[in-house]
Amino acid sequence: MDLLNFIEDAGVLTDVRVWTDDGDVHALTLQFVQQSLHLFVEQDTDELVVSTSFVLNQQCTQPLTALQEVYGYFLIRTWLMHNHKGYQDALQLEFYHPDKSQTHFVQIYVEASSLTLFRLQKIDV
């Protein structure tokens, strides 16, 4: 998938939904004004899959309030990361708001067949 074109067309982040099973997050949908970005774990390889046209076969989701801080922010950069075996296992997102001086970084990676989220913080040295 072409994340560069997605970033240019997405607009601002408006909602994040998660699919969980026994407390583990197996998929995320990041909803932007123009389109959605879907992230899920390929169970056979523990690889992160990023798509704009994924339909989950499970029933609905719940909101992810942990990322409400970046609602209304533009997605300006993404980094796809690979592990030492070459599997795509993480995605880092950078969000920007024109009225704020600091950008926000969110990292989503595959850990034990589920997704783990981190907010990264810039430290000036």
PDB file of N, CA and C in Angstrom:
ATOM      1  N   MET A   1       0.834  -1.182   0.000  1.00  0.00           N
ATOM      2  CA  MET A   1       0.000   0.000   0.000  1.00  0.00           C
ATOM      3  C   MET A   1       0.875   1.239   0.000  1.00  0.00           C
ATOM      4  N   ASP A   2       0.424   2.275  -0.616  1.00  0.00           N
ATOM      5  CA  ASP A   2       1.182   3.517  -0.735  1.00  0.00           C
ATOM      6  C   ASP A   2       0.794   4.468   0.400  1.00  0.00           C
ATOM      7  N   LEU A   3       1.571   4.460   1.473  1.00  0.00           N
ATOM      8  CA  LEU A   3       1.255   5.308   2.613  1.00  0.00           C
ATOM      9  C   LEU A   3       1.438   6.785   2.311  1.00  0.00           C
ATOM     10  N   LEU A   4       2.327   7.130   1.379  1.00  0.00           N
ATOM     11  CA  LEU A   4       2.528   8.530   1.023  1.00  0.00           C
ATOM     12  C   LEU A   4       1.251   9.131   0.455  1.00  0.00           C
ATOM     13  N   ASN A   5       0.617   8.447  -0.469  1.00  0.00           N
ATOM     14  CA  ASN A   5      -0.648   8.939  -1.013  1.00  0.00           C
ATOM     15  C   ASN A   5      -1.741   8.954   0.042  1.00  0.00           C
ATOM     16  N   PHE A   6      -1.738   7.970   0.932  1.00  0.00           N
ATOM     17  CA  PHE A   6      -2.730   7.951   2.004  1.00  0.00           C
ATOM     18  C   PHE A   6      -2.597   9.199   2.869  1.00  0.00           C
ATOM     19  N   ILE A   7      -1.377   9.543   3.255  1.00  0.00           N
ATOM     20  CA  ILE A   7      -1.144  10.708   4.109  1.00  0.00           C
ATOM     21  C   ILE A   7      -1.655  11.982   3.448  1.00  0.00           C
ATOM     22  N   GLU A   8      -1.391  12.132   2.158  1.00  0.00           N
ATOM     23  CA  GLU A   8      -1.797  13.341   1.448  1.00  0.00           C
ATOM     24  C   GLU A   8      -3.311  13.482   1.366  1.00  0.00           C
ATOM     25  N   ASP A   9      -4.044  12.361   1.345  1.00  0.00           N
ATOM     26  CA  ASP A   9      -5.495  12.387   1.161  1.00  0.00           C
ATOM     27  C   ASP A   9      -6.305  12.200   2.438  1.00  0.00           C
ATOM     28  N   ALA A  10      -5.676  11.830   3.534  1.00  0.00           N
ATOM     29  CA  ALA A  10      -6.420  11.380   4.707  1.00  0.00           C
ATOM     30  C   ALA A  10      -7.202  12.469   5.434  1.00  0.00           C
ATOM     31  N   GLY A  11      -6.617  13.649   5.596  1.00  0.00           N
ATOM     32  CA  GLY A  11      -7.251  14.662   6.440  1.00  0.00           C
ATOM     33  C   GLY A  11      -6.880  14.435   7.893  1.00  0.00           C
ATOM     34  N   VAL A  12      -7.731  14.889   8.806  1.00  0.00           N
ATOM     35  CA  VAL A  12      -7.410  14.794  10.230  1.00  0.00           C
ATOM     36  C   VAL A  12      -7.970  13.507  10.832  1.00  0.00           C
ATOM     37  N   LEU A  13      -7.314  13.056  11.897  1.00  0.00           N
ATOM     38  CA  LEU A  13      -7.747  11.864  12.619  1.00  0.00           C
ATOM     39  C   LEU A  13      -9.008  12.192  13.414  1.00  0.00           C
ATOM     40  N   THR A  14     -10.045  11.373  13.269  1.00  0.00           N
ATOM     41  CA  THR A  14     -11.313  11.626  13.961  1.00  0.00           C
ATOM     42  C   THR A  14     -11.703  10.524  14.946  1.00  0.00           C
ATOM     43  N   ASP A  15     -11.172   9.315  14.774  1.00  0.00           N
ATOM     44  CA  ASP A  15     -11.584   8.221  15.648  1.00  0.00           C
ATOM     45  C   ASP A  15     -10.615   7.053  15.492  1.00  0.00           C
ATOM     46  N   VAL A  16     -10.477   6.266  16.550  1.00  0.00           N
ATOM     47  CA  VAL A  16      -9.698   5.030  16.498  1.00  0.00           C
ATOM     48  C   VAL A  16     -10.543   3.938  17.135  1.00  0.00           C
ATOM     49  N   ARG A  17     -10.663   2.819  16.438  1.00  0.00           N
ATOM     50  CA  ARG A  17     -11.433   1.679  16.939  1.00  0.00           C
ATOM     51  C   ARG A  17     -10.519   0.469  17.049  1.00  0.00           C
ATOM     52  N   VAL A  18     -10.806  -0.412  18.016  1.00  0.00           N
ATOM     53  CA  VAL A  18      -9.993  -1.605  18.213  1.00  0.00           C
ATOM     54  C   VAL A  18     -10.863  -2.851  18.212  1.00  0.00           C
ATOM     55  N   TRP A  19     -10.292  -3.932  17.733  1.00  0.00           N
ATOM     56  CA  TRP A  19     -10.891  -5.252  17.833  1.00  0.00           C
ATOM     57  C   TRP A  19     -10.084  -6.008  18.868  1.00  0.00           C
ATOM     58  N   THR A  20     -10.738  -6.479  19.916  1.00  0.00           N
ATOM     59  CA  THR A  20     -10.027  -7.170  20.985  1.00  0.00           C
ATOM     60  C   THR A  20     -10.585  -8.574  21.189  1.00  0.00           C
ATOM     61  N   ASP A  21      -9.746  -9.413  21.759  1.00  0.00           N
ATOM     62  CA  ASP A  21     -10.132 -10.763  22.129  1.00  0.00           C
ATOM     63  C   ASP A  21      -9.374 -11.107  23.403  1.00  0.00           C
ATOM     64  N   ASP A  22     -10.082 -11.308  24.492  1.00  0.00           N
ATOM     65  CA  ASP A  22      -9.467 -11.574  25.792  1.00  0.00           C
ATOM     66  C   ASP A  22      -8.457 -10.500  26.186  1.00  0.00           C
ATOM     67  N   GLY A  23      -8.781  -9.246  25.870  1.00  0.00           N
ATOM     68  CA  GLY A  23      -7.922  -8.133  26.240  1.00  0.00           C
ATOM     69  C   GLY A  23      -6.785  -7.833  25.278  1.00  0.00           C
ATOM     70  N   ASP A  24      -6.553  -8.717  24.298  1.00  0.00           N
ATOM     71  CA  ASP A  24      -5.504  -8.478  23.307  1.00  0.00           C
ATOM     72  C   ASP A  24      -6.089  -7.734  22.106  1.00  0.00           C
ATOM     73  N   VAL A  25      -5.358  -6.746  21.609  1.00  0.00           N
ATOM     74  CA  VAL A  25      -5.792  -5.990  20.431  1.00  0.00           C
ATOM     75  C   VAL A  25      -5.300  -6.713  19.183  1.00  0.00           C
ATOM     76  N   HIS A  26      -6.226  -7.114  18.321  1.00  0.00           N
ATOM     77  CA  HIS A  26      -5.867  -7.833  17.101  1.00  0.00           C
ATOM     78  C   HIS A  26      -5.964  -6.967  15.856  1.00  0.00           C
ATOM     79  N   ALA A  27      -6.675  -5.845  15.956  1.00  0.00           N
ATOM     80  CA  ALA A  27      -6.801  -4.954  14.804  1.00  0.00           C
ATOM     81  C   ALA A  27      -7.164  -3.553  15.281  1.00  0.00           C
ATOM     82  N   LEU A  28      -6.773  -2.574  14.484  1.00  0.00           N
ATOM     83  CA  LEU A  28      -7.089  -1.166  14.732  1.00  0.00           C
ATOM     84  C   LEU A  28      -7.626  -0.556  13.456  1.00  0.00           C
ATOM     85  N   THR A  29      -8.564   0.356  13.594  1.00  0.00           N
ATOM     86  CA  THR A  29      -8.984   1.189  12.478  1.00  0.00           C
ATOM     87  C   THR A  29      -8.790   2.639  12.891  1.00  0.00           C
ATOM     88  N   LEU A  30      -7.947   3.345  12.143  1.00  0.00           N
ATOM     89  CA  LEU A  30      -7.767   4.774  12.356  1.00  0.00           C
ATOM     90  C   LEU A  30      -8.636   5.487  11.339  1.00  0.00           C
ATOM     91  N   GLN A  31      -9.619   6.234  11.827  1.00  0.00           N
ATOM     92  CA  GLN A  31     -10.573   6.913  10.946  1.00  0.00           C
ATOM     93  C   GLN A  31     -10.142   8.359  10.746  1.00  0.00           C
ATOM     94  N   PHE A  32      -9.918   8.706   9.505  1.00  0.00           N
ATOM     95  CA  PHE A  32      -9.599  10.081   9.137  1.00  0.00           C
ATOM     96  C   PHE A  32     -10.799  10.673   8.402  1.00  0.00           C
ATOM     97  N   VAL A  33     -10.786  11.963   8.146  1.00  0.00           N
ATOM     98  CA  VAL A  33     -11.911  12.619   7.487  1.00  0.00           C
ATOM     99  C   VAL A  33     -12.186  11.993   6.125  1.00  0.00           C
ATOM    100  N   GLN A  34     -11.153  11.707   5.358  1.00  0.00           N
ATOM    101  CA  GLN A  34     -11.328  11.227   3.994  1.00  0.00           C
ATOM    102  C   GLN A  34     -11.388   9.709   3.864  1.00  0.00           C
ATOM    103  N   GLN A  35     -10.669   8.963   4.723  1.00  0.00           N
ATOM    104  CA  GLN A  35     -10.628   7.504   4.600  1.00  0.00           C
ATOM    105  C   GLN A  35     -10.104   6.868   5.877  1.00  0.00           C
ATOM    106  N   SER A  36     -10.077   5.541   5.886  1.00  0.00           N
ATOM    107  CA  SER A  36      -9.646   4.795   7.068  1.00  0.00           C
ATOM    108  C   SER A  36      -8.368   4.028   6.778  1.00  0.00           C
ATOM    109  N   LEU A  37      -7.582   3.840   7.837  1.00  0.00           N
ATOM    110  CA  LEU A  37      -6.377   3.021   7.768  1.00  0.00           C
ATOM    111  C   LEU A  37      -6.580   1.860   8.727  1.00  0.00           C
ATOM    112  N   HIS A  38      -6.455   0.637   8.217  1.00  0.00           N
ATOM    113  CA  HIS A  38      -6.684  -0.562   9.002  1.00  0.00           C
ATOM    114  C   HIS A  38      -5.357  -1.269   9.259  1.00  0.00           C
ATOM    115  N   LEU A  39      -5.133  -1.646  10.497  1.00  0.00           N
ATOM    116  CA  LEU A  39      -3.929  -2.354  10.899  1.00  0.00           C
ATOM    117  C   LEU A  39      -4.358  -3.640  11.589  1.00  0.00           C
ATOM    118  N   PHE A  40      -3.771  -4.748  11.191  1.00  0.00           N
ATOM    119  CA  PHE A  40      -4.097  -6.000  11.851  1.00  0.00           C
ATOM    120  C   PHE A  40      -2.912  -6.953  11.784  1.00  0.00           C
ATOM    121  N   VAL A  41      -2.977  -7.990  12.593  1.00  0.00           N
ATOM    122  CA  VAL A  41      -1.902  -8.970  12.682  1.00  0.00           C
ATOM    123  C   VAL A  41      -2.241 -10.159  11.791  1.00  0.00           C
ATOM    124  N   GLU A  42      -1.325 -10.495  10.896  1.00  0.00           N
ATOM    125  CA  GLU A  42      -1.446 -11.724  10.112  1.00  0.00           C
ATOM    126  C   GLU A  42      -1.039 -12.855  11.050  1.00  0.00           C
ATOM    127  N   GLN A  43      -2.000 -13.672  11.443  1.00  0.00           N
ATOM    128  CA  GLN A  43      -1.780 -14.668  12.488  1.00  0.00           C
ATOM    129  C   GLN A  43      -0.721 -15.718  12.132  1.00  0.00           C
ATOM    130  N   ASP A  44      -0.603 -16.086  10.875  1.00  0.00           N
ATOM    131  CA  ASP A  44       0.356 -17.124  10.484  1.00  0.00           C
ATOM    132  C   ASP A  44       1.809 -16.671  10.614  1.00  0.00           C
ATOM    133  N   THR A  45       2.062 -15.386  10.372  1.00  0.00           N
ATOM    134  CA  THR A  45       3.443 -14.896  10.365  1.00  0.00           C
ATOM    135  C   THR A  45       3.737 -13.883  11.465  1.00  0.00           C
ATOM    136  N   ASP A  46       2.718 -13.461  12.228  1.00  0.00           N
ATOM    137  CA  ASP A  46       2.859 -12.386  13.217  1.00  0.00           C
ATOM    138  C   ASP A  46       3.332 -11.090  12.560  1.00  0.00           C
ATOM    139  N   GLU A  47       2.917 -10.879  11.326  1.00  0.00           N
ATOM    140  CA  GLU A  47       3.321  -9.688  10.580  1.00  0.00           C
ATOM    141  C   GLU A  47       2.210  -8.647  10.643  1.00  0.00           C
ATOM    142  N   LEU A  48       2.612  -7.372  10.684  1.00  0.00           N
ATOM    143  CA  LEU A  48       1.665  -6.269  10.663  1.00  0.00           C
ATOM    144  C   LEU A  48       1.195  -6.034   9.240  1.00  0.00           C
ATOM    145  N   VAL A  49      -0.114  -5.975   9.046  1.00  0.00           N
ATOM    146  CA  VAL A  49      -0.701  -5.693   7.738  1.00  0.00           C
ATOM    147  C   VAL A  49      -1.352  -4.322   7.815  1.00  0.00           C
ATOM    148  N   VAL A  50      -1.060  -3.468   6.839  1.00  0.00           N
ATOM    149  CA  VAL A  50      -1.609  -2.118   6.761  1.00  0.00           C
ATOM    150  C   VAL A  50      -2.421  -2.028   5.478  1.00  0.00           C
ATOM    151  N   SER A  51      -3.682  -1.590   5.596  1.00  0.00           N
ATOM    152  CA  SER A  51      -4.570  -1.601   4.440  1.00  0.00           C
ATOM    153  C   SER A  51      -5.577  -0.459   4.531  1.00  0.00           C
ATOM    154  N   THR A  52      -6.107  -0.076   3.387  1.00  0.00           N
ATOM    155  CA  THR A  52      -7.220   0.878   3.364  1.00  0.00           C
ATOM    156  C   THR A  52      -8.530   0.186   3.020  1.00  0.00           C
ATOM    157  N   SER A  53      -8.482  -1.090   2.734  1.00  0.00           N
ATOM    158  CA  SER A  53      -9.698  -1.778   2.285  1.00  0.00           C
ATOM    159  C   SER A  53      -9.904  -3.119   2.982  1.00  0.00           C
ATOM    160  N   PHE A  54      -9.641  -3.166   4.258  1.00  0.00           N
ATOM    161  CA  PHE A  54      -9.760  -4.411   5.009  1.00  0.00           C
ATOM    162  C   PHE A  54     -11.118  -4.477   5.695  1.00  0.00           C
ATOM    163  N   VAL A  55     -11.774  -5.616   5.617  1.00  0.00           N
ATOM    164  CA  VAL A  55     -13.046  -5.810   6.301  1.00  0.00           C
ATOM    165  C   VAL A  55     -12.866  -6.959   7.293  1.00  0.00           C
ATOM    166  N   LEU A  56     -13.041  -6.661   8.570  1.00  0.00           N
ATOM    167  CA  LEU A  56     -12.906  -7.702   9.582  1.00  0.00           C
ATOM    168  C   LEU A  56     -14.162  -8.557   9.611  1.00  0.00           C
ATOM    169  N   ASN A  57     -13.977  -9.844   9.841  1.00  0.00           N
ATOM    170  CA  ASN A  57     -15.121 -10.742   9.884  1.00  0.00           C
ATOM    171  C   ASN A  57     -15.747 -10.805  11.277  1.00  0.00           C
ATOM    172  N   GLN A  58     -15.165 -10.114  12.242  1.00  0.00           N
ATOM    173  CA  GLN A  58     -15.734 -10.096  13.577  1.00  0.00           C
ATOM    174  C   GLN A  58     -16.688  -8.919  13.733  1.00  0.00           C
ATOM    175  N   GLN A  59     -17.541  -9.028  14.739  1.00  0.00           N
ATOM    176  CA  GLN A  59     -18.478  -7.949  15.045  1.00  0.00           C
ATOM    177  C   GLN A  59     -17.707  -6.740  15.549  1.00  0.00           C
ATOM    178  N   CYS A  60     -18.305  -5.669  15.566  1.00  0.00           N
ATOM    179  CA  CYS A  60     -17.841  -4.312  15.830  1.00  0.00           C
ATOM    180  C   CYS A  60     -16.656  -4.147  16.771  1.00  0.00           C
ATOM    181  N   THR A  61     -16.405  -2.930  17.059  1.00  0.00           N
ATOM    182  CA  THR A  61     -15.219  -2.525  17.786  1.00  0.00           C
ATOM    183  C   THR A  61     -15.593  -1.644  18.954  1.00  0.00           C
ATOM    184  N   GLN A  62     -14.580  -1.282  19.684  1.00  0.00           N
ATOM    185  CA  GLN A  62     -14.757  -0.309  20.751  1.00  0.00           C
ATOM    186  C   GLN A  62     -13.803   0.856  20.499  1.00  0.00           C
ATOM    187  N   PRO A  63     -14.160   2.061  20.959  1.00  0.00           N
ATOM    188  CA  PRO A  63     -13.257   3.197  20.751  1.00  0.00           C
ATOM    189  C   PRO A  63     -11.979   3.034  21.565  1.00  0.00           C
ATOM    190  N   LEU A  64     -10.908   3.586  21.063  1.00  0.00           N
ATOM    191  CA  LEU A  64      -9.633   3.570  21.769  1.00  0.00           C
ATOM    192  C   LEU A  64      -9.379   4.975  22.306  1.00  0.00           C
ATOM    193  N   THR A  65      -9.698   5.192  23.546  1.00  0.00           N
ATOM    194  CA  THR A  65      -9.595   6.529  24.124  1.00  0.00           C
ATOM    195  C   THR A  65      -8.160   6.966  24.347  1.00  0.00           C
ATOM    196  N   ALA A  66      -7.214   6.031  24.351  1.00  0.00           N
ATOM    197  CA  ALA A  66      -5.811   6.378  24.590  1.00  0.00           C
ATOM    198  C   ALA A  66      -5.245   7.307  23.532  1.00  0.00           C
ATOM    199  N   LEU A  67      -5.844   7.352  22.346  1.00  0.00           N
ATOM    200  CA  LEU A  67      -5.321   8.215  21.280  1.00  0.00           C
ATOM    201  C   LEU A  67      -6.195   9.450  21.038  1.00  0.00           C
ATOM    202  N   GLN A  68      -7.135   9.732  21.922  1.00  0.00           N
ATOM    203  CA  GLN A  68      -7.983  10.907  21.732  1.00  0.00           C
ATOM    204  C   GLN A  68      -7.189  12.199  21.708  1.00  0.00           C
ATOM    205  N   GLU A  69      -6.026  12.198  22.308  1.00  0.00           N
ATOM    206  CA  GLU A  69      -5.177  13.391  22.339  1.00  0.00           C
ATOM    207  C   GLU A  69      -4.767  13.852  20.938  1.00  0.00           C
ATOM    208  N   VAL A  70      -4.742  12.945  19.961  1.00  0.00           N
ATOM    209  CA  VAL A  70      -4.346  13.338  18.603  1.00  0.00           C
ATOM    210  C   VAL A  70      -5.538  13.449  17.648  1.00  0.00           C
ATOM    211  N   TYR A  71      -6.776  13.360  18.161  1.00  0.00           N
ATOM    212  CA  TYR A  71      -7.936  13.616  17.310  1.00  0.00           C
ATOM    213  C   TYR A  71      -7.872  15.070  16.847  1.00  0.00           C
ATOM    214  N   GLY A  72      -8.149  15.300  15.583  1.00  0.00           N
ATOM    215  CA  GLY A  72      -8.059  16.640  15.023  1.00  0.00           C
ATOM    216  C   GLY A  72      -6.676  16.986  14.505  1.00  0.00           C
ATOM    217  N   TYR A  73      -5.731  16.049  14.609  1.00  0.00           N
ATOM    218  CA  TYR A  73      -4.374  16.244  14.109  1.00  0.00           C
ATOM    219  C   TYR A  73      -4.238  15.617  12.724  1.00  0.00           C
ATOM    220  N   PHE A  74      -3.342  16.176  11.925  1.00  0.00           N
ATOM    221  CA  PHE A  74      -3.022  15.635  10.603  1.00  0.00           C
ATOM    222  C   PHE A  74      -1.930  14.584  10.725  1.00  0.00           C
ATOM    223  N   LEU A  75      -2.052  13.522   9.965  1.00  0.00           N
ATOM    224  CA  LEU A  75      -0.981  12.534   9.854  1.00  0.00           C
ATOM    225  C   LEU A  75       0.023  13.078   8.845  1.00  0.00           C
ATOM    226  N   ILE A  76       1.277  13.276   9.280  1.00  0.00           N
ATOM    227  CA  ILE A  76       2.250  13.894   8.368  1.00  0.00           C
ATOM    228  C   ILE A  76       3.388  12.968   7.958  1.00  0.00           C
ATOM    229  N   ARG A  77       3.685  11.919   8.747  1.00  0.00           N
ATOM    230  CA  ARG A  77       4.742  10.975   8.385  1.00  0.00           C
ATOM    231  C   ARG A  77       4.418   9.596   8.923  1.00  0.00           C
ATOM    232  N   THR A  78       4.903   8.590   8.204  1.00  0.00           N
ATOM    233  CA  THR A  78       4.790   7.212   8.680  1.00  0.00           C
ATOM    234  C   THR A  78       6.110   6.496   8.435  1.00  0.00           C
ATOM    235  N   TRP A  79       6.395   5.531   9.280  1.00  0.00           N
ATOM    236  CA  TRP A  79       7.558   4.675   9.114  1.00  0.00           C
ATOM    237  C   TRP A  79       7.096   3.236   9.281  1.00  0.00           C
ATOM    238  N   LEU A  80       7.320   2.409   8.279  1.00  0.00           N
ATOM    239  CA  LEU A  80       7.082   0.972   8.399  1.00  0.00           C
ATOM    240  C   LEU A  80       8.384   0.340   8.865  1.00  0.00           C
ATOM    241  N   MET A  81       8.302  -0.510   9.871  1.00  0.00           N
ATOM    242  CA  MET A  81       9.509  -1.106  10.429  1.00  0.00           C
ATOM    243  C   MET A  81       9.487  -2.619  10.279  1.00  0.00           C
ATOM    244  N   HIS A  82      10.664  -3.187  10.143  1.00  0.00           N
ATOM    245  CA  HIS A  82      10.806  -4.633   9.966  1.00  0.00           C
ATOM    246  C   HIS A  82      11.716  -5.192  11.053  1.00  0.00           C
ATOM    247  N   ASN A  83      11.435  -6.436  11.456  1.00  0.00           N
ATOM    248  CA  ASN A  83      12.275  -7.065  12.464  1.00  0.00           C
ATOM    249  C   ASN A  83      13.513  -7.691  11.816  1.00  0.00           C
ATOM    250  N   HIS A  84      14.333  -8.337  12.611  1.00  0.00           N
ATOM    251  CA  HIS A  84      15.591  -8.905  12.121  1.00  0.00           C
ATOM    252  C   HIS A  84      15.378 -10.043  11.124  1.00  0.00           C
ATOM    253  N   LYS A  85      14.180 -10.610  11.051  1.00  0.00           N
ATOM    254  CA  LYS A  85      13.887 -11.659  10.082  1.00  0.00           C
ATOM    255  C   LYS A  85      13.244 -11.110   8.806  1.00  0.00           C
ATOM    256  N   GLY A  86      13.047  -9.793   8.757  1.00  0.00           N
ATOM    257  CA  GLY A  86      12.491  -9.164   7.566  1.00  0.00           C
ATOM    258  C   GLY A  86      10.987  -9.006   7.565  1.00  0.00           C
ATOM    259  N   TYR A  87      10.317  -9.417   8.629  1.00  0.00           N
ATOM    260  CA  TYR A  87       8.870  -9.266   8.713  1.00  0.00           C
ATOM    261  C   TYR A  87       8.502  -7.839   9.093  1.00  0.00           C
ATOM    262  N   GLN A  88       7.467  -7.330   8.454  1.00  0.00           N
ATOM    263  CA  GLN A  88       6.953  -6.010   8.794  1.00  0.00           C
ATOM    264  C   GLN A  88       6.221  -6.136  10.130  1.00  0.00           C
ATOM    265  N   ASP A  89       6.753  -5.494  11.174  1.00  0.00           N
ATOM    266  CA  ASP A  89       6.155  -5.706  12.481  1.00  0.00           C
ATOM    267  C   ASP A  89       5.816  -4.441  13.257  1.00  0.00           C
ATOM    268  N   ALA A  90       5.990  -3.261  12.649  1.00  0.00           N
ATOM    269  CA  ALA A  90       5.646  -2.035  13.362  1.00  0.00           C
ATOM    270  C   ALA A  90       5.374  -0.898  12.394  1.00  0.00           C
ATOM    271  N   LEU A  91       4.594   0.047  12.879  1.00  0.00           N
ATOM    272  CA  LEU A  91       4.287   1.264  12.134  1.00  0.00           C
ATOM    273  C   LEU A  91       4.377   2.422  13.103  1.00  0.00           C
ATOM    274  N   GLN A  92       5.117   3.450  12.716  1.00  0.00           N
ATOM    275  CA  GLN A  92       5.193   4.660  13.519  1.00  0.00           C
ATOM    276  C   GLN A  92       4.491   5.776  12.768  1.00  0.00           C
ATOM    277  N   LEU A  93       3.680   6.541  13.487  1.00  0.00           N
ATOM    278  CA  LEU A  93       2.899   7.629  12.903  1.00  0.00           C
ATOM    279  C   LEU A  93       3.274   8.932  13.583  1.00  0.00           C
ATOM    280  N   GLU A  94       3.394   9.996  12.797  1.00  0.00           N
ATOM    281  CA  GLU A  94       3.633  11.324  13.363  1.00  0.00           C
ATOM    282  C   GLU A  94       2.446  12.208  13.016  1.00  0.00           C
ATOM    283  N   PHE A  95       1.880  12.852  14.053  1.00  0.00           N
ATOM    284  CA  PHE A  95       0.708  13.710  13.902  1.00  0.00           C
ATOM    285  C   PHE A  95       1.074  15.159  14.198  1.00  0.00           C
ATOM    286  N   TYR A  96       0.436  16.073  13.454  1.00  0.00           N
ATOM    287  CA  TYR A  96       0.725  17.508  13.566  1.00  0.00           C
ATOM    288  C   TYR A  96      -0.580  18.291  13.602  1.00  0.00           C
ATOM    289  N   HIS A  97      -0.602  19.318  14.428  1.00  0.00           N
ATOM    290  CA  HIS A  97      -1.739  20.249  14.459  1.00  0.00           C
ATOM    291  C   HIS A  97      -1.199  21.643  14.189  1.00  0.00           C
ATOM    292  N   PRO A  98      -1.817  22.390  13.257  1.00  0.00           N
ATOM    293  CA  PRO A  98      -1.270  23.710  12.896  1.00  0.00           C
ATOM    294  C   PRO A  98      -1.218  24.703  14.054  1.00  0.00           C
ATOM    295  N   ASP A  99      -2.047  24.519  15.070  1.00  0.00           N
ATOM    296  CA  ASP A  99      -2.068  25.452  16.199  1.00  0.00           C
ATOM    297  C   ASP A  99      -1.173  25.021  17.366  1.00  0.00           C
ATOM    298  N   LYS A 100      -0.484  23.890  17.219  1.00  0.00           N
ATOM    299  CA  LYS A 100       0.355  23.372  18.300  1.00  0.00           C
ATOM    300  C   LYS A 100       1.805  23.323  17.831  1.00  0.00           C
ATOM    301  N   SER A 101       2.731  23.497  18.748  1.00  0.00           N
ATOM    302  CA  SER A 101       4.150  23.507  18.359  1.00  0.00           C
ATOM    303  C   SER A 101       4.758  22.109  18.324  1.00  0.00           C
ATOM    304  N   GLN A 102       4.209  21.176  19.108  1.00  0.00           N
ATOM    305  CA  GLN A 102       4.821  19.854  19.210  1.00  0.00           C
ATOM    306  C   GLN A 102       4.014  18.826  18.422  1.00  0.00           C
ATOM    307  N   THR A 103       4.728  17.970  17.694  1.00  0.00           N
ATOM    308  CA  THR A 103       4.071  16.864  17.015  1.00  0.00           C
ATOM    309  C   THR A 103       3.950  15.691  17.982  1.00  0.00           C
ATOM    310  N   HIS A 104       3.069  14.755  17.661  1.00  0.00           N
ATOM    311  CA  HIS A 104       2.876  13.563  18.480  1.00  0.00           C
ATOM    312  C   HIS A 104       3.252  12.328  17.672  1.00  0.00           C
ATOM    313  N   PHE A 105       3.960  11.414  18.308  1.00  0.00           N
ATOM    314  CA  PHE A 105       4.374  10.170  17.677  1.00  0.00           C
ATOM    315  C   PHE A 105       3.654   9.003  18.348  1.00  0.00           C
ATOM    316  N   VAL A 106       3.131   8.111  17.522  1.00  0.00           N
ATOM    317  CA  VAL A 106       2.488   6.892  18.010  1.00  0.00           C
ATOM    318  C   VAL A 106       3.159   5.728  17.305  1.00  0.00           C
ATOM    319  N   GLN A 107       3.520   4.706  18.069  1.00  0.00           N
ATOM    320  CA  GLN A 107       4.122   3.516  17.480  1.00  0.00           C
ATOM    321  C   GLN A 107       3.218   2.318  17.783  1.00  0.00           C
ATOM    322  N   ILE A 108       2.949   1.538  16.754  1.00  0.00           N
ATOM    323  CA  ILE A 108       2.102   0.355  16.869  1.00  0.00           C
ATOM    324  C   ILE A 108       2.930  -0.823  16.388  1.00  0.00           C
ATOM    325  N   TYR A 109       3.114  -1.816  17.250  1.00  0.00           N
ATOM    326  CA  TYR A 109       3.900  -2.960  16.802  1.00  0.00           C
ATOM    327  C   TYR A 109       3.277  -4.274  17.248  1.00  0.00           C
ATOM    328  N   VAL A 110       3.663  -5.329  16.546  1.00  0.00           N
ATOM    329  CA  VAL A 110       3.146  -6.669  16.813  1.00  0.00           C
ATOM    330  C   VAL A 110       3.971  -7.295  17.924  1.00  0.00           C
ATOM    331  N   GLU A 111       3.264  -7.790  18.921  1.00  0.00           N
ATOM    332  CA  GLU A 111       3.907  -8.465  20.045  1.00  0.00           C
ATOM    333  C   GLU A 111       3.010  -9.617  20.459  1.00  0.00           C
ATOM    334  N   ALA A 112       3.517 -10.848  20.324  1.00  0.00           N
ATOM    335  CA  ALA A 112       2.772 -12.054  20.702  1.00  0.00           C
ATOM    336  C   ALA A 112       1.405 -12.119  20.017  1.00  0.00           C
ATOM    337  N   SER A 113       1.380 -11.902  18.715  1.00  0.00           N
ATOM    338  CA  SER A 113       0.173 -11.982  17.879  1.00  0.00           C
ATOM    339  C   SER A 113      -0.892 -10.943  18.227  1.00  0.00           C
ATOM    340  N   SER A 114      -0.505  -9.875  18.870  1.00  0.00           N
ATOM    341  CA  SER A 114      -1.435  -8.782  19.124  1.00  0.00           C
ATOM    342  C   SER A 114      -0.711  -7.454  18.902  1.00  0.00           C
ATOM    343  N   LEU A 115      -1.474  -6.372  18.876  1.00  0.00           N
ATOM    344  CA  LEU A 115      -0.905  -5.049  18.643  1.00  0.00           C
ATOM    345  C   LEU A 115      -0.673  -4.335  19.965  1.00  0.00           C
ATOM    346  N   THR A 116       0.473  -3.678  20.063  1.00  0.00           N
ATOM    347  CA  THR A 116       0.823  -2.883  21.235  1.00  0.00           C
ATOM    348  C   THR A 116       1.035  -1.453  20.766  1.00  0.00           C
ATOM    349  N   LEU A 117       0.515  -0.489  21.518  1.00  0.00           N
ATOM    350  CA  LEU A 117       0.632   0.922  21.157  1.00  0.00           C
ATOM    351  C   LEU A 117       1.488   1.658  22.176  1.00  0.00           C
ATOM    352  N   PHE A 118       2.292   2.579  21.645  1.00  0.00           N
ATOM    353  CA  PHE A 118       3.094   3.458  22.482  1.00  0.00           C
ATOM    354  C   PHE A 118       2.958   4.878  21.956  1.00  0.00           C
ATOM    355  N   ARG A 119       2.952   5.843  22.869  1.00  0.00           N
ATOM    356  CA  ARG A 119       3.126   7.227  22.478  1.00  0.00           C
ATOM    357  C   ARG A 119       4.577   7.565  22.776  1.00  0.00           C
ATOM    358  N   LEU A 120       5.275   8.115  21.795  1.00  0.00           N
ATOM    359  CA  LEU A 120       6.670   8.480  21.970  1.00  0.00           C
ATOM    360  C   LEU A 120       6.754   9.970  22.311  1.00  0.00           C
ATOM    361  N   GLN A 121       7.726  10.319  23.087  1.00  0.00           N
ATOM    362  CA  GLN A 121       7.877  11.705  23.494  1.00  0.00           C
ATOM    363  C   GLN A 121       9.263  12.206  23.110  1.00  0.00           C
ATOM    364  N   LYS A 122       9.307  13.385  22.520  1.00  0.00           N
ATOM    365  CA  LYS A 122      10.573  14.005  22.150  1.00  0.00           C
ATOM    366  C   LYS A 122      11.246  14.541  23.407  1.00  0.00           C
ATOM    367  N   ILE A 123      12.542  14.280  23.510  1.00  0.00           N
ATOM    368  CA  ILE A 123      13.313  14.783  24.654  1.00  0.00           C
ATOM    369  C   ILE A 123      14.436  15.657  24.083  1.00  0.00           C
ATOM    370  N   ASP A 124      14.420  16.930  24.483  1.00  0.00           N
ATOM    371  CA  ASP A 124      15.484  17.843  24.045  1.00  0.00           C
ATOM    372  C   ASP A 124      16.710  17.627  24.920  1.00  0.00           C
ATOM    373  N   VAL A 125      17.867  17.517  24.252  1.00  0.00           N
ATOM    374  CA  VAL A 125      19.114  17.337  24.994  1.00  0.00           C
ATOM    375  C   VAL A 125      20.085  18.453  24.696  1.00  0.00           C
TER     376      VAL A 125
END
